Amino acid sequence: MSERTSVAPNEGTVAALVRELTEMLASASIDDAGREARDIVAAVHEEPRFWAALHENELVDAKRAEDARRAARLRCAGAPFAYAVGVAAFRHLMLRVDERVLIPRQETEQLVDEVLARETTGLAIDIGTGSGAIALALASEGNFDRVIGTDVSRGALTVAEGNAARVAGVLRAPVEFRQGALFAPLAGITARVVVSNPPYIAHDEAAALPGSVRDWEPPVALFGAANGMAIISSIIHEAPDVLQSGGLLALELDSRRASLAAELALADGRYRDVSVRLDLAGRERFLIARRKDE
């Protein structure tokens, strides 16, 4: 038997760390503490979820072991899993995330699909880029000349810039991040695509959110004034000044506001082919529109 397999019962192996984390998580009444412990160990190694079960006898270096313990402590305190382990998968990318940015979600992956099905060239602009997930996915999967992400939060842009460096090897287009509200950092620029997952939750809806969202994710990225419609409305009204003739606007929205957003786009008068697309659960989720030809 090899030295690696002979150390299975000893301190320092994946199995030992999983047992330690399981006890921590169970003491905080975390559901299925053993599975969660394995997921944490896999995540700090940036490996698939089943990795820990297949590598029980492998030794864990001190830094990763401490990262795993820190993640377990955060989970015990109620932190979302992605914040606890510090990474989140988005399409084919593994991105760093923390409390300065939203955790990327499956619906946003579908927003990228909606864009790539219609446009893959020219300049793409991601408004409210957060972790940079949308901008980096477009830059790695499309054939865009370049991608610009904007955000009002300097902290969010620091995360996005770190992620751009992290995935630089798979990017097919240059990505630039600019600080400022909505289109303010884009003076004089025209684009083929404007895409955004803007804040769309009304402030009086906060109590209905899960605690892992309400108490941890950045309010500036979640909540919008005017019953959640303020930022949506601004993007719809300002995007035609940036979009080229025939250029694409694609927004991810709450199902309660998608039809209202479509009405705003139609009333604006500068869009054509306005439609609302459904997410995988059959909910109205995405506004798609094109700038009218000049």
C-alpha atoms as a PDB file:
ATOM      1  CA  MET A   1       0.000   0.000   0.000  1.00  0.00           C
ATOM      2  CA  SER A   2       1.337   3.443  -0.895  1.00  0.00           C
ATOM      3  CA  GLU A   3       2.219   6.073   1.661  1.00  0.00           C
ATOM      4  CA  ARG A   4      -0.695   8.242   0.447  1.00  0.00           C
ATOM      5  CA  THR A   5      -3.325   5.565   1.113  1.00  0.00           C
ATOM      6  CA  SER A   6      -1.793   4.487   4.429  1.00  0.00           C
ATOM      7  CA  VAL A   7      -2.426   7.866   6.074  1.00  0.00           C
ATOM      8  CA  ALA A   8      -6.222   7.685   5.762  1.00  0.00           C
ATOM      9  CA  PRO A   9      -7.009   7.635   9.512  1.00  0.00           C
ATOM     10  CA  ASN A  10      -4.441  10.293  10.355  1.00  0.00           C
ATOM     11  CA  GLU A  11      -4.812  13.981  10.916  1.00  0.00           C
ATOM     12  CA  GLY A  12      -4.296  16.045   7.780  1.00  0.00           C
ATOM     13  CA  THR A  13      -6.194  13.974   5.249  1.00  0.00           C
ATOM     14  CA  VAL A  14      -9.290  14.972   3.308  1.00  0.00           C
ATOM     15  CA  ALA A  15     -11.316  12.461   5.332  1.00  0.00           C
ATOM     16  CA  ALA A  16     -10.129  13.897   8.643  1.00  0.00           C
ATOM     17  CA  LEU A  17     -10.922  17.436   7.534  1.00  0.00           C
ATOM     18  CA  VAL A  18     -14.384  16.389   6.352  1.00  0.00           C
ATOM     19  CA  ARG A  19     -15.056  14.808   9.770  1.00  0.00           C
ATOM     20  CA  GLU A  20     -13.919  17.964  11.546  1.00  0.00           C
ATOM     21  CA  LEU A  21     -16.077  20.228   9.401  1.00  0.00           C
ATOM     22  CA  THR A  22     -19.062  17.897   9.710  1.00  0.00           C
ATOM     23  CA  GLU A  23     -18.948  18.265  13.489  1.00  0.00           C
ATOM     24  CA  MET A  24     -18.727  22.056  13.213  1.00  0.00           C
ATOM     25  CA  LEU A  25     -21.641  22.274  10.788  1.00  0.00           C
ATOM     26  CA  ALA A  26     -23.805  19.793  12.679  1.00  0.00           C
ATOM     27  CA  SER A  27     -23.339  21.814  15.874  1.00  0.00           C
ATOM     28  CA  ALA A  28     -24.907  24.770  14.033  1.00  0.00           C
ATOM     29  CA  SER A  29     -27.787  22.599  12.772  1.00  0.00           C
ATOM     30  CA  ILE A  30     -26.684  22.841   9.140  1.00  0.00           C
ATOM     31  CA  ASP A  31     -28.734  20.402   7.066  1.00  0.00           C
ATOM     32  CA  ASP A  32     -26.836  17.358   5.775  1.00  0.00           C
ATOM     33  CA  ALA A  33     -23.640  18.484   7.466  1.00  0.00           C
ATOM     34  CA  GLY A  34     -21.556  15.672   5.971  1.00  0.00           C
ATOM     35  CA  ARG A  35     -22.466  16.557   2.400  1.00  0.00           C
ATOM     36  CA  GLU A  36     -21.855  20.238   3.094  1.00  0.00           C
ATOM     37  CA  ALA A  37     -18.459  19.462   4.603  1.00  0.00           C
ATOM     38  CA  ARG A  38     -17.454  17.511   1.503  1.00  0.00           C
ATOM     39  CA  ASP A  39     -18.678  20.339  -0.713  1.00  0.00           C
ATOM     40  CA  ILE A  40     -16.600  22.876   1.229  1.00  0.00           C
ATOM     41  CA  VAL A  41     -13.437  20.797   0.964  1.00  0.00           C
ATOM     42  CA  ALA A  42     -13.988  20.329  -2.765  1.00  0.00           C
ATOM     43  CA  ALA A  43     -14.684  24.039  -3.250  1.00  0.00           C
ATOM     44  CA  VAL A  44     -11.515  25.231  -1.525  1.00  0.00           C
ATOM     45  CA  HIS A  45      -9.610  22.895  -3.843  1.00  0.00           C
ATOM     46  CA  GLU A  46     -11.669  24.309  -6.767  1.00  0.00           C
ATOM     47  CA  GLU A  47     -12.742  20.812  -7.697  1.00  0.00           C
ATOM     48  CA  PRO A  48     -16.180  19.313  -8.491  1.00  0.00           C
ATOM     49  CA  ARG A  49     -18.453  18.426  -5.581  1.00  0.00           C
ATOM     50  CA  PHE A  50     -17.670  14.702  -5.668  1.00  0.00           C
ATOM     51  CA  TRP A  51     -13.907  15.320  -5.381  1.00  0.00           C
ATOM     52  CA  ALA A  52     -13.670  14.947  -1.598  1.00  0.00           C
ATOM     53  CA  ALA A  53     -15.379  11.561  -1.615  1.00  0.00           C
ATOM     54  CA  LEU A  54     -12.883  10.264  -4.184  1.00  0.00           C
ATOM     55  CA  HIS A  55      -9.774  11.661  -2.471  1.00  0.00           C
ATOM     56  CA  GLU A  56     -10.342  10.839   1.197  1.00  0.00           C
ATOM     57  CA  ASN A  57      -6.746   9.693   1.772  1.00  0.00           C
ATOM     58  CA  GLU A  58      -5.122  12.722   0.166  1.00  0.00           C
ATOM     59  CA  LEU A  59      -3.248  15.136   2.406  1.00  0.00           C
ATOM     60  CA  VAL A  60      -4.581  18.701   2.668  1.00  0.00           C
ATOM     61  CA  ASP A  61      -2.101  21.553   2.891  1.00  0.00           C
ATOM     62  CA  ALA A  62      -2.372  23.898   5.852  1.00  0.00           C
ATOM     63  CA  LYS A  63      -3.730  26.885   3.933  1.00  0.00           C
ATOM     64  CA  ARG A  64      -6.550  24.975   2.274  1.00  0.00           C
ATOM     65  CA  ALA A  65      -7.433  23.327   5.571  1.00  0.00           C
ATOM     66  CA  GLU A  66      -7.706  26.736   7.233  1.00  0.00           C
ATOM     67  CA  ASP A  67      -9.701  28.091   4.261  1.00  0.00           C
ATOM     68  CA  ALA A  68     -12.108  25.185   4.718  1.00  0.00           C
ATOM     69  CA  ARG A  69     -12.442  25.843   8.460  1.00  0.00           C
ATOM     70  CA  ARG A  70     -13.084  29.519   7.796  1.00  0.00           C
ATOM     71  CA  ALA A  71     -15.756  28.592   5.228  1.00  0.00           C
ATOM     72  CA  ALA A  72     -17.431  26.276   7.735  1.00  0.00           C
ATOM     73  CA  ARG A  73     -17.438  29.004  10.381  1.00  0.00           C
ATOM     74  CA  LEU A  74     -19.057  31.408   7.914  1.00  0.00           C
ATOM     75  CA  ARG A  75     -21.684  28.810   7.007  1.00  0.00           C
ATOM     76  CA  CYS A  76     -22.408  28.347  10.708  1.00  0.00           C
ATOM     77  CA  ALA A  77     -22.945  32.122  10.883  1.00  0.00           C
ATOM     78  CA  GLY A  78     -25.461  31.966   8.020  1.00  0.00           C
ATOM     79  CA  ALA A  79     -23.297  33.042   5.084  1.00  0.00           C
ATOM     80  CA  PRO A  80     -24.285  31.786   1.628  1.00  0.00           C
ATOM     81  CA  PHE A  81     -22.125  28.899   0.463  1.00  0.00           C
ATOM     82  CA  ALA A  82     -20.447  30.904  -2.323  1.00  0.00           C
ATOM     83  CA  TYR A  83     -19.391  33.678   0.067  1.00  0.00           C
ATOM     84  CA  ALA A  84     -18.174  31.120   2.586  1.00  0.00           C
ATOM     85  CA  VAL A  85     -15.881  29.354   0.124  1.00  0.00           C
ATOM     86  CA  GLY A  86     -15.119  32.515  -1.877  1.00  0.00           C
ATOM     87  CA  VAL A  87     -15.832  31.102  -5.332  1.00  0.00           C
ATOM     88  CA  ALA A  88     -18.837  30.528  -7.574  1.00  0.00           C
ATOM     89  CA  ALA A  89     -19.229  28.757 -10.886  1.00  0.00           C
ATOM     90  CA  PHE A  90     -20.696  30.759 -13.762  1.00  0.00           C
ATOM     91  CA  ARG A  91     -21.081  28.921 -17.047  1.00  0.00           C
ATOM     92  CA  HIS A  92     -17.569  27.529 -17.690  1.00  0.00           C
ATOM     93  CA  LEU A  93     -15.852  30.077 -15.405  1.00  0.00           C
ATOM     94  CA  MET A  94     -14.909  29.802 -11.733  1.00  0.00           C
ATOM     95  CA  LEU A  95     -15.091  33.293 -10.238  1.00  0.00           C
ATOM     96  CA  ARG A  96     -14.112  34.827  -6.916  1.00  0.00           C
ATOM     97  CA  VAL A  97     -17.042  36.324  -5.024  1.00  0.00           C
ATOM     98  CA  ASP A  98     -17.535  38.045  -1.685  1.00  0.00           C
ATOM     99  CA  GLU A  99     -20.035  40.361  -0.004  1.00  0.00           C
ATOM    100  CA  ARG A 100     -19.152  43.201  -2.413  1.00  0.00           C
ATOM    101  CA  VAL A 101     -20.908  41.457  -5.319  1.00  0.00           C
ATOM    102  CA  LEU A 102     -23.994  39.394  -6.044  1.00  0.00           C
ATOM    103  CA  ILE A 103     -23.562  35.645  -6.252  1.00  0.00           C
ATOM    104  CA  PRO A 104     -23.972  34.677  -9.944  1.00  0.00           C
ATOM    105  CA  ARG A 105     -27.162  32.729 -10.599  1.00  0.00           C
ATOM    106  CA  GLN A 106     -28.472  30.299 -13.177  1.00  0.00           C
ATOM    107  CA  GLU A 107     -30.911  32.856 -14.590  1.00  0.00           C
ATOM    108  CA  THR A 108     -28.001  35.145 -15.394  1.00  0.00           C
ATOM    109  CA  GLU A 109     -26.296  32.320 -17.252  1.00  0.00           C
ATOM    110  CA  GLN A 110     -29.437  32.196 -19.404  1.00  0.00           C
ATOM    111  CA  LEU A 111     -29.202  35.962 -19.973  1.00  0.00           C
ATOM    112  CA  VAL A 112     -25.781  35.345 -21.536  1.00  0.00           C
ATOM    113  CA  ASP A 113     -27.387  32.710 -23.768  1.00  0.00           C
ATOM    114  CA  GLU A 114     -30.023  35.223 -24.861  1.00  0.00           C
ATOM    115  CA  VAL A 115     -27.284  37.644 -25.921  1.00  0.00           C
ATOM    116  CA  LEU A 116     -25.039  35.108 -27.654  1.00  0.00           C
ATOM    117  CA  ALA A 117     -27.983  33.749 -29.634  1.00  0.00           C
ATOM    118  CA  ARG A 118     -28.404  37.209 -31.188  1.00  0.00           C
ATOM    119  CA  GLU A 119     -25.071  39.066 -31.158  1.00  0.00           C
ATOM    120  CA  THR A 120     -21.452  37.948 -30.845  1.00  0.00           C
ATOM    121  CA  THR A 121     -19.470  40.787 -32.412  1.00  0.00           C
ATOM    122  CA  GLY A 122     -18.763  44.481 -31.916  1.00  0.00           C
ATOM    123  CA  LEU A 123     -18.629  46.180 -28.525  1.00  0.00           C
ATOM    124  CA  ALA A 124     -20.666  44.734 -25.648  1.00  0.00           C
ATOM    125  CA  ILE A 125     -21.408  46.752 -22.506  1.00  0.00           C
ATOM    126  CA  ASP A 126     -22.396  45.175 -19.185  1.00  0.00           C
ATOM    127  CA  ILE A 127     -24.115  47.706 -16.915  1.00  0.00           C
ATOM    128  CA  GLY A 128     -23.742  46.941 -13.191  1.00  0.00           C
ATOM    129  CA  THR A 129     -21.130  44.278 -13.816  1.00  0.00           C
ATOM    130  CA  GLY A 130     -20.616  43.216 -10.186  1.00  0.00           C
ATOM    131  CA  SER A 131     -18.267  40.212 -10.168  1.00  0.00           C
ATOM    132  CA  GLY A 132     -17.794  40.657 -13.918  1.00  0.00           C
ATOM    133  CA  ALA A 133     -19.623  37.384 -14.606  1.00  0.00           C
ATOM    134  CA  ILE A 134     -21.618  38.548 -17.644  1.00  0.00           C
ATOM    135  CA  ALA A 135     -18.788  40.602 -19.159  1.00  0.00           C
ATOM    136  CA  LEU A 136     -16.268  37.775 -18.772  1.00  0.00           C
ATOM    137  CA  ALA A 137     -18.641  35.145 -20.128  1.00  0.00           C
ATOM    138  CA  LEU A 138     -19.305  37.272 -23.222  1.00  0.00           C
ATOM    139  CA  ALA A 139     -15.594  37.938 -23.685  1.00  0.00           C
ATOM    140  CA  SER A 140     -14.737  34.250 -23.428  1.00  0.00           C
ATOM    141  CA  GLU A 141     -17.582  32.806 -25.496  1.00  0.00           C
ATOM    142  CA  GLY A 142     -18.354  35.411 -28.148  1.00  0.00           C
ATOM    143  CA  ASN A 143     -16.325  37.079 -30.859  1.00  0.00           C
ATOM    144  CA  PHE A 144     -16.723  40.607 -29.565  1.00  0.00           C
ATOM    145  CA  ASP A 145     -14.149  43.250 -30.373  1.00  0.00           C
ATOM    146  CA  ARG A 146     -14.138  44.201 -26.699  1.00  0.00           C
ATOM    147  CA  VAL A 147     -16.331  44.211 -23.604  1.00  0.00           C
ATOM    148  CA  ILE A 148     -16.785  47.023 -21.082  1.00  0.00           C
ATOM    149  CA  GLY A 149     -18.313  46.529 -17.645  1.00  0.00           C
ATOM    150  CA  THR A 150     -19.481  49.446 -15.507  1.00  0.00           C
ATOM    151  CA  ASP A 151     -20.399  49.566 -11.835  1.00  0.00           C
ATOM    152  CA  VAL A 152     -20.977  52.294  -9.282  1.00  0.00           C
ATOM    153  CA  SER A 153     -19.157  50.240  -6.627  1.00  0.00           C
ATOM    154  CA  ARG A 154     -15.369  50.418  -6.500  1.00  0.00           C
ATOM    155  CA  GLY A 155     -15.380  47.285  -4.372  1.00  0.00           C
ATOM    156  CA  ALA A 156     -17.332  45.357  -6.988  1.00  0.00           C
ATOM    157  CA  LEU A 157     -14.917  46.476  -9.707  1.00  0.00           C
ATOM    158  CA  THR A 158     -11.984  45.269  -7.635  1.00  0.00           C
ATOM    159  CA  VAL A 159     -13.601  41.820  -7.579  1.00  0.00           C
ATOM    160  CA  ALA A 160     -14.326  41.999 -11.324  1.00  0.00           C
ATOM    161  CA  GLU A 161     -10.774  43.028 -12.159  1.00  0.00           C
ATOM    162  CA  GLY A 162      -9.430  40.165 -10.083  1.00  0.00           C
ATOM    163  CA  ASN A 163     -11.697  37.758 -11.921  1.00  0.00           C
ATOM    164  CA  ALA A 164     -10.575  39.104 -15.286  1.00  0.00           C
ATOM    165  CA  ALA A 165      -6.979  38.376 -14.335  1.00  0.00           C
ATOM    166  CA  ARG A 166      -7.988  34.974 -13.021  1.00  0.00           C
ATOM    167  CA  VAL A 167      -9.622  33.855 -16.292  1.00  0.00           C
ATOM    168  CA  ALA A 168      -7.400  35.823 -18.680  1.00  0.00           C
ATOM    169  CA  GLY A 169      -6.289  32.657 -20.410  1.00  0.00           C
ATOM    170  CA  VAL A 170      -9.745  31.914 -21.817  1.00  0.00           C
ATOM    171  CA  LEU A 171     -10.731  35.452 -22.833  1.00  0.00           C
ATOM    172  CA  ARG A 172     -11.151  36.005 -26.556  1.00  0.00           C
ATOM    173  CA  ALA A 173     -11.703  39.765 -26.298  1.00  0.00           C
ATOM    174  CA  PRO A 174     -10.209  42.502 -24.123  1.00  0.00           C
ATOM    175  CA  VAL A 175     -12.306  43.418 -21.080  1.00  0.00           C
ATOM    176  CA  GLU A 176     -12.270  46.826 -19.408  1.00  0.00           C
ATOM    177  CA  PHE A 177     -14.032  47.914 -16.221  1.00  0.00           C
ATOM    178  CA  ARG A 178     -15.084  51.483 -15.505  1.00  0.00           C
ATOM    179  CA  GLN A 179     -16.498  53.014 -12.339  1.00  0.00           C
ATOM    180  CA  GLY A 180     -19.663  55.101 -12.471  1.00  0.00           C
ATOM    181  CA  ALA A 181     -23.439  54.957 -12.422  1.00  0.00           C
ATOM    182  CA  LEU A 182     -25.035  53.220 -15.404  1.00  0.00           C
ATOM    183  CA  PHE A 183     -23.865  54.881 -18.655  1.00  0.00           C
ATOM    184  CA  ALA A 184     -21.958  57.774 -17.038  1.00  0.00           C
ATOM    185  CA  PRO A 185     -18.496  56.260 -17.741  1.00  0.00           C
ATOM    186  CA  LEU A 186     -19.336  55.660 -21.419  1.00  0.00           C
ATOM    187  CA  ALA A 187     -19.417  59.142 -22.935  1.00  0.00           C
ATOM    188  CA  GLY A 188     -18.916  59.065 -26.697  1.00  0.00           C
ATOM    189  CA  ILE A 189     -19.120  55.266 -26.965  1.00  0.00           C
ATOM    190  CA  THR A 190     -21.493  53.348 -29.215  1.00  0.00           C
ATOM    191  CA  ALA A 191     -22.085  49.634 -28.748  1.00  0.00           C
ATOM    192  CA  ARG A 192     -23.655  46.653 -30.435  1.00  0.00           C
ATOM    193  CA  VAL A 193     -24.930  45.176 -27.150  1.00  0.00           C
ATOM    194  CA  VAL A 194     -26.075  46.576 -23.832  1.00  0.00           C
ATOM    195  CA  VAL A 195     -26.750  43.894 -21.240  1.00  0.00           C
ATOM    196  CA  SER A 196     -27.576  44.178 -17.555  1.00  0.00           C
ATOM    197  CA  ASN A 197     -28.805  42.341 -14.494  1.00  0.00           C
ATOM    198  CA  PRO A 198     -29.890  45.507 -12.662  1.00  0.00           C
ATOM    199  CA  PRO A 199     -31.268  45.955  -9.128  1.00  0.00           C
ATOM    200  CA  TYR A 200     -34.987  45.153  -9.412  1.00  0.00           C
ATOM    201  CA  ILE A 201     -36.332  44.360  -5.939  1.00  0.00           C
ATOM    202  CA  ALA A 202     -38.538  46.930  -4.205  1.00  0.00           C
ATOM    203  CA  HIS A 203     -37.387  48.000  -0.752  1.00  0.00           C
ATOM    204  CA  ASP A 204     -40.655  46.872   0.838  1.00  0.00           C
ATOM    205  CA  GLU A 205     -40.042  43.357  -0.531  1.00  0.00           C
ATOM    206  CA  ALA A 206     -36.869  42.895   1.532  1.00  0.00           C
ATOM    207  CA  ALA A 207     -38.625  41.040   4.348  1.00  0.00           C
ATOM    208  CA  ALA A 208     -39.754  38.315   1.943  1.00  0.00           C
ATOM    209  CA  LEU A 209     -36.197  37.553   0.800  1.00  0.00           C
ATOM    210  CA  PRO A 210     -34.255  34.618   2.258  1.00  0.00           C
ATOM    211  CA  GLY A 211     -31.924  35.730   5.030  1.00  0.00           C
ATOM    212  CA  SER A 212     -28.928  34.475   3.043  1.00  0.00           C
ATOM    213  CA  VAL A 213     -29.797  37.081   0.390  1.00  0.00           C
ATOM    214  CA  ARG A 214     -31.192  39.939   2.476  1.00  0.00           C
ATOM    215  CA  ASP A 215     -28.514  39.859   5.180  1.00  0.00           C
ATOM    216  CA  TRP A 216     -25.441  39.138   3.051  1.00  0.00           C
ATOM    217  CA  GLU A 217     -25.684  40.287  -0.563  1.00  0.00           C
ATOM    218  CA  PRO A 218     -25.007  43.993  -1.341  1.00  0.00           C
ATOM    219  CA  PRO A 219     -28.192  46.106  -1.117  1.00  0.00           C
ATOM    220  CA  VAL A 220     -27.011  48.407  -3.931  1.00  0.00           C
ATOM    221  CA  ALA A 221     -27.136  45.413  -6.294  1.00  0.00           C
ATOM    222  CA  LEU A 222     -30.506  44.148  -5.046  1.00  0.00           C
ATOM    223  CA  PHE A 223     -32.873  47.044  -4.425  1.00  0.00           C
ATOM    224  CA  GLY A 224     -34.271  49.691  -6.735  1.00  0.00           C
ATOM    225  CA  ALA A 225     -36.382  52.736  -5.955  1.00  0.00           C
ATOM    226  CA  ALA A 226     -39.789  53.365  -7.533  1.00  0.00           C
ATOM    227  CA  ASN A 227     -41.029  49.875  -6.615  1.00  0.00           C
ATOM    228  CA  GLY A 228     -37.911  48.301  -8.068  1.00  0.00           C
ATOM    229  CA  MET A 229     -38.245  50.004 -11.446  1.00  0.00           C
ATOM    230  CA  ALA A 230     -35.938  53.033 -11.129  1.00  0.00           C
ATOM    231  CA  ILE A 231     -32.709  51.529 -12.507  1.00  0.00           C
ATOM    232  CA  ILE A 232     -34.591  49.448 -15.078  1.00  0.00           C
ATOM    233  CA  SER A 233     -36.313  52.562 -16.373  1.00  0.00           C
ATOM    234  CA  SER A 234     -33.051  54.513 -16.546  1.00  0.00           C
ATOM    235  CA  ILE A 235     -31.319  51.779 -18.545  1.00  0.00           C
ATOM    236  CA  ILE A 236     -34.218  51.475 -20.991  1.00  0.00           C
ATOM    237  CA  HIS A 237     -34.312  55.229 -21.578  1.00  0.00           C
ATOM    238  CA  GLU A 238     -30.540  55.744 -21.800  1.00  0.00           C
ATOM    239  CA  ALA A 239     -29.498  52.685 -23.797  1.00  0.00           C
ATOM    240  CA  PRO A 240     -30.696  54.025 -27.201  1.00  0.00           C
ATOM    241  CA  ASP A 241     -28.169  56.867 -26.883  1.00  0.00           C
ATOM    242  CA  VAL A 242     -25.381  54.255 -26.765  1.00  0.00           C
ATOM    243  CA  LEU A 243     -26.696  51.491 -29.013  1.00  0.00           C
ATOM    244  CA  GLN A 244     -25.933  51.417 -32.703  1.00  0.00           C
ATOM    245  CA  SER A 245     -28.795  51.052 -35.178  1.00  0.00           C
ATOM    246  CA  GLY A 246     -30.172  47.565 -34.693  1.00  0.00           C
ATOM    247  CA  GLY A 247     -28.158  47.112 -31.503  1.00  0.00           C
ATOM    248  CA  LEU A 248     -29.384  44.744 -28.794  1.00  0.00           C
ATOM    249  CA  LEU A 249     -30.674  45.531 -25.302  1.00  0.00           C
ATOM    250  CA  ALA A 250     -30.957  42.496 -22.980  1.00  0.00           C
ATOM    251  CA  LEU A 251     -32.050  42.791 -19.339  1.00  0.00           C
ATOM    252  CA  GLU A 252     -32.634  40.235 -16.600  1.00  0.00           C
ATOM    253  CA  LEU A 253     -35.688  41.191 -14.533  1.00  0.00           C
ATOM    254  CA  ASP A 254     -37.978  40.037 -11.790  1.00  0.00           C
ATOM    255  CA  SER A 255     -41.023  38.265 -13.221  1.00  0.00           C
ATOM    256  CA  ARG A 256     -43.286  40.865 -11.599  1.00  0.00           C
ATOM    257  CA  ARG A 257     -41.616  43.649 -13.567  1.00  0.00           C
ATOM    258  CA  ALA A 258     -40.778  42.158 -16.952  1.00  0.00           C
ATOM    259  CA  SER A 259     -44.028  43.204 -18.597  1.00  0.00           C
ATOM    260  CA  LEU A 260     -43.722  46.715 -17.123  1.00  0.00           C
ATOM    261  CA  ALA A 261     -40.229  46.976 -18.583  1.00  0.00           C
ATOM    262  CA  ALA A 262     -41.516  45.869 -21.994  1.00  0.00           C
ATOM    263  CA  GLU A 263     -44.198  48.577 -21.824  1.00  0.00           C
ATOM    264  CA  LEU A 264     -41.516  51.173 -21.064  1.00  0.00           C
ATOM    265  CA  ALA A 265     -39.442  50.041 -24.035  1.00  0.00           C
ATOM    266  CA  LEU A 266     -42.435  50.192 -26.356  1.00  0.00           C
ATOM    267  CA  ALA A 267     -43.468  53.603 -25.044  1.00  0.00           C
ATOM    268  CA  ASP A 268     -39.941  54.941 -25.534  1.00  0.00           C
ATOM    269  CA  GLY A 269     -40.416  54.698 -29.297  1.00  0.00           C
ATOM    270  CA  ARG A 270     -36.777  53.992 -30.160  1.00  0.00           C
ATOM    271  CA  TYR A 271     -36.953  50.190 -29.915  1.00  0.00           C
ATOM    272  CA  ARG A 272     -38.237  47.464 -32.190  1.00  0.00           C
ATOM    273  CA  ASP A 273     -38.669  43.719 -31.726  1.00  0.00           C
ATOM    274  CA  VAL A 274     -39.494  44.140 -28.042  1.00  0.00           C
ATOM    275  CA  SER A 275     -40.157  40.810 -26.330  1.00  0.00           C
ATOM    276  CA  VAL A 276     -40.158  39.146 -22.933  1.00  0.00           C
ATOM    277  CA  ARG A 277     -38.408  35.781 -22.680  1.00  0.00           C
ATOM    278  CA  LEU A 278     -39.036  33.077 -20.077  1.00  0.00           C
ATOM    279  CA  ASP A 279     -36.494  31.520 -17.757  1.00  0.00           C
ATOM    280  CA  LEU A 280     -36.116  27.758 -17.287  1.00  0.00           C
ATOM    281  CA  ALA A 281     -38.897  27.769 -14.693  1.00  0.00           C
ATOM    282  CA  GLY A 282     -41.320  29.371 -17.164  1.00  0.00           C
ATOM    283  CA  ARG A 283     -41.289  32.808 -15.495  1.00  0.00           C
ATOM    284  CA  GLU A 284     -41.097  36.092 -17.412  1.00  0.00           C
ATOM    285  CA  ARG A 285     -37.473  36.989 -16.847  1.00  0.00           C
ATOM    286  CA  PHE A 286     -35.705  38.720 -19.753  1.00  0.00           C
ATOM    287  CA  LEU A 287     -36.434  41.849 -21.762  1.00  0.00           C
ATOM    288  CA  ILE A 288     -35.035  41.705 -25.291  1.00  0.00           C
ATOM    289  CA  ALA A 289     -35.233  44.685 -27.660  1.00  0.00           C
ATOM    290  CA  ARG A 290     -33.372  46.254 -30.552  1.00  0.00           C
ATOM    291  CA  ARG A 291     -32.575  49.864 -31.272  1.00  0.00           C
ATOM    292  CA  LYS A 292     -34.605  50.989 -34.251  1.00  0.00           C
ATOM    293  CA  ASP A 293     -32.673  51.450 -37.473  1.00  0.00           C
ATOM    294  CA  GLU A 294     -31.855  55.084 -38.148  1.00  0.00           C
END
